[in-house]
Amino acid sequence: MEIFTKNKKYSFNDIAEICDKNGLTTVDCLKDENMISVEGYENGELSGNCISEFHQIKEDVFKLTWQE
């Protein structure tokens, strides 16, 4: 599923809005790892499988670093 662009910069709100529109959710790892993971749902519960990762490159600016 490629809903994010590799070299584009995103704000947290951008990522959250795209996730909402596509039935996905963010897993906030900012405090520990300076990143946000995106996961999908399976049978109404989080799948536990990361499908995208964004690393923080500066305040409220994130870059896609991995995509399934």
N, C-alpha and C. Protein backbone atom coordinates (compact mmCIF):
# COMPACT_ATOMS: atom_id res chain seq x y z
N MET A 1 0.84 -1.17 0.00
CA MET A 1 0.00 0.00 0.00
C MET A 1 0.89 1.24 0.00
N GLU A 2 0.90 1.98 -1.05
CA GLU A 2 1.72 3.17 -1.14
C GLU A 2 0.84 4.41 -1.12
N ILE A 3 0.60 4.92 0.07
CA ILE A 3 -0.22 6.13 0.19
C ILE A 3 0.62 7.33 0.59
N PHE A 4 1.88 7.09 0.93
CA PHE A 4 2.80 8.15 1.29
C PHE A 4 3.92 8.21 0.25
N THR A 5 4.50 9.39 0.08
CA THR A 5 5.57 9.61 -0.89
C THR A 5 6.91 9.65 -0.17
N LYS A 6 7.88 8.95 -0.71
CA LYS A 6 9.20 8.76 -0.07
C LYS A 6 9.92 10.08 0.26
N ASN A 7 10.03 11.02 -0.64
CA ASN A 7 10.84 12.20 -0.40
C ASN A 7 10.05 13.44 0.02
N LYS A 8 8.79 13.26 0.34
CA LYS A 8 7.95 14.38 0.78
C LYS A 8 8.08 14.56 2.29
N LYS A 9 7.99 15.81 2.74
CA LYS A 9 8.00 16.10 4.16
C LYS A 9 6.56 16.25 4.65
N TYR A 10 6.25 15.64 5.79
CA TYR A 10 4.91 15.64 6.35
C TYR A 10 4.91 16.22 7.75
N SER A 11 3.81 16.88 8.12
CA SER A 11 3.60 17.25 9.52
C SER A 11 2.88 16.08 10.19
N PHE A 12 2.82 16.09 11.51
CA PHE A 12 2.09 15.04 12.19
C PHE A 12 0.62 15.04 11.76
N ASN A 13 0.04 16.23 11.62
CA ASN A 13 -1.36 16.33 11.19
C ASN A 13 -1.57 15.77 9.79
N ASP A 14 -0.63 16.00 8.88
CA ASP A 14 -0.72 15.42 7.53
C ASP A 14 -0.80 13.90 7.60
N ILE A 15 0.09 13.32 8.39
CA ILE A 15 0.13 11.86 8.52
C ILE A 15 -1.17 11.35 9.12
N ALA A 16 -1.64 12.01 10.18
CA ALA A 16 -2.87 11.58 10.86
C ALA A 16 -4.08 11.66 9.93
N GLU A 17 -4.18 12.73 9.13
CA GLU A 17 -5.31 12.88 8.20
C GLU A 17 -5.29 11.80 7.13
N ILE A 18 -4.13 11.51 6.58
CA ILE A 18 -4.02 10.46 5.55
C ILE A 18 -4.38 9.10 6.16
N CYS A 19 -3.94 8.87 7.38
CA CYS A 19 -4.29 7.61 8.05
C CYS A 19 -5.79 7.50 8.26
N ASP A 20 -6.42 8.57 8.73
CA ASP A 20 -7.87 8.56 8.94
C ASP A 20 -8.62 8.24 7.66
N LYS A 21 -8.20 8.83 6.56
CA LYS A 21 -8.87 8.62 5.27
C LYS A 21 -8.69 7.19 4.75
N ASN A 22 -7.65 6.50 5.20
CA ASN A 22 -7.33 5.18 4.69
C ASN A 22 -7.51 4.05 5.72
N GLY A 23 -8.18 4.35 6.82
CA GLY A 23 -8.44 3.32 7.82
C GLY A 23 -7.21 2.82 8.54
N LEU A 24 -6.24 3.70 8.72
CA LEU A 24 -4.99 3.36 9.40
C LEU A 24 -4.87 4.18 10.66
N THR A 25 -3.86 3.91 11.47
CA THR A 25 -3.62 4.70 12.67
C THR A 25 -2.13 4.91 12.87
N THR A 26 -1.80 5.94 13.63
CA THR A 26 -0.40 6.22 13.94
C THR A 26 -0.06 5.62 15.30
N VAL A 27 1.17 5.17 15.43
CA VAL A 27 1.72 4.73 16.70
C VAL A 27 2.85 5.70 17.01
N ASP A 28 2.62 6.51 18.01
CA ASP A 28 3.53 7.60 18.33
C ASP A 28 4.71 7.09 19.14
N CYS A 29 5.90 7.15 18.56
CA CYS A 29 7.13 6.75 19.24
C CYS A 29 8.06 7.95 19.37
N LEU A 30 7.50 9.14 19.37
CA LEU A 30 8.33 10.34 19.32
C LEU A 30 9.23 10.50 20.53
N LYS A 31 8.73 10.23 21.71
CA LYS A 31 9.53 10.45 22.92
C LYS A 31 10.74 9.54 22.99
N ASP A 32 10.58 8.30 22.55
CA ASP A 32 11.67 7.34 22.67
C ASP A 32 12.56 7.25 21.44
N GLU A 33 11.96 7.33 20.26
CA GLU A 33 12.71 7.03 19.04
C GLU A 33 12.64 8.11 17.96
N ASN A 34 11.98 9.23 18.22
CA ASN A 34 11.83 10.31 17.24
C ASN A 34 11.25 9.82 15.93
N MET A 35 10.20 8.99 16.03
CA MET A 35 9.57 8.46 14.84
C MET A 35 8.09 8.22 15.06
N ILE A 36 7.38 8.04 13.97
CA ILE A 36 5.96 7.67 13.98
C ILE A 36 5.82 6.45 13.10
N SER A 37 5.14 5.45 13.60
CA SER A 37 4.83 4.26 12.81
C SER A 37 3.37 4.30 12.41
N VAL A 38 3.04 3.71 11.28
CA VAL A 38 1.66 3.61 10.81
C VAL A 38 1.28 2.14 10.75
N GLU A 39 0.12 1.81 11.34
CA GLU A 39 -0.36 0.44 11.34
C GLU A 39 -1.80 0.40 10.84
N GLY A 40 -2.19 -0.76 10.37
CA GLY A 40 -3.55 -0.99 9.93
C GLY A 40 -4.32 -1.80 10.96
N TYR A 41 -5.57 -2.07 10.65
CA TYR A 41 -6.43 -2.87 11.52
C TYR A 41 -6.73 -4.20 10.87
N GLU A 42 -6.93 -5.20 11.71
CA GLU A 42 -7.30 -6.53 11.26
C GLU A 42 -8.39 -7.04 12.20
N ASN A 43 -9.56 -7.29 11.66
CA ASN A 43 -10.71 -7.73 12.48
C ASN A 43 -11.03 -6.74 13.59
N GLY A 44 -10.91 -5.44 13.29
CA GLY A 44 -11.26 -4.39 14.23
C GLY A 44 -10.20 -4.06 15.26
N GLU A 45 -9.07 -4.74 15.23
CA GLU A 45 -7.99 -4.47 16.18
C GLU A 45 -6.71 -4.16 15.43
N LEU A 46 -5.79 -3.46 16.10
CA LEU A 46 -4.51 -3.15 15.47
C LEU A 46 -3.84 -4.44 15.02
N SER A 47 -3.30 -4.41 13.82
CA SER A 47 -2.67 -5.61 13.27
C SER A 47 -1.33 -5.92 13.93
N GLY A 48 -0.67 -4.89 14.46
CA GLY A 48 0.66 -5.08 15.03
C GLY A 48 1.76 -5.05 13.99
N ASN A 49 1.37 -4.89 12.72
CA ASN A 49 2.34 -4.83 11.63
C ASN A 49 2.53 -3.40 11.17
N CYS A 50 3.73 -2.93 11.27
CA CYS A 50 4.05 -1.58 10.81
C CYS A 50 4.06 -1.58 9.28
N ILE A 51 3.36 -0.62 8.68
CA ILE A 51 3.37 -0.53 7.22
C ILE A 51 4.14 0.68 6.70
N SER A 52 4.38 1.65 7.59
CA SER A 52 5.18 2.83 7.23
C SER A 52 5.86 3.37 8.48
N GLU A 53 7.04 3.97 8.29
CA GLU A 53 7.75 4.63 9.39
C GLU A 53 8.21 6.00 8.93
N PHE A 54 8.02 6.97 9.79
CA PHE A 54 8.45 8.34 9.55
C PHE A 54 9.39 8.74 10.66
N HIS A 55 10.52 9.32 10.30
CA HIS A 55 11.45 9.83 11.29
C HIS A 55 11.36 11.35 11.33
N GLN A 56 11.45 11.87 12.53
CA GLN A 56 11.38 13.31 12.71
C GLN A 56 12.71 13.93 12.29
N ILE A 57 12.63 14.91 11.38
CA ILE A 57 13.86 15.57 10.93
C ILE A 57 14.02 16.96 11.53
N LYS A 58 12.92 17.54 12.00
CA LYS A 58 12.92 18.75 12.83
C LYS A 58 11.54 18.90 13.44
N GLU A 59 11.32 19.94 14.19
CA GLU A 59 10.06 20.12 14.91
C GLU A 59 8.86 20.01 13.97
N ASP A 60 8.01 19.01 14.20
CA ASP A 60 6.79 18.74 13.43
C ASP A 60 7.04 18.56 11.93
N VAL A 61 8.21 18.05 11.58
CA VAL A 61 8.51 17.70 10.18
C VAL A 61 9.03 16.27 10.17
N PHE A 62 8.36 15.43 9.37
CA PHE A 62 8.68 14.01 9.31
C PHE A 62 8.91 13.59 7.87
N LYS A 63 9.78 12.60 7.71
CA LYS A 63 10.09 12.09 6.39
C LYS A 63 9.90 10.58 6.40
N LEU A 64 9.26 10.06 5.38
CA LEU A 64 9.05 8.62 5.24
C LEU A 64 10.39 7.94 5.05
N THR A 65 10.69 6.97 5.93
CA THR A 65 11.97 6.28 5.83
C THR A 65 11.80 4.80 5.50
N TRP A 66 10.58 4.28 5.68
CA TRP A 66 10.34 2.87 5.34
C TRP A 66 8.87 2.69 5.03
N GLN A 67 8.58 1.86 4.02
CA GLN A 67 7.21 1.58 3.63
C GLN A 67 7.13 0.13 3.15
N GLU A 68 6.12 -0.59 3.64
CA GLU A 68 5.92 -1.98 3.24
C GLU A 68 5.55 -2.08 1.79
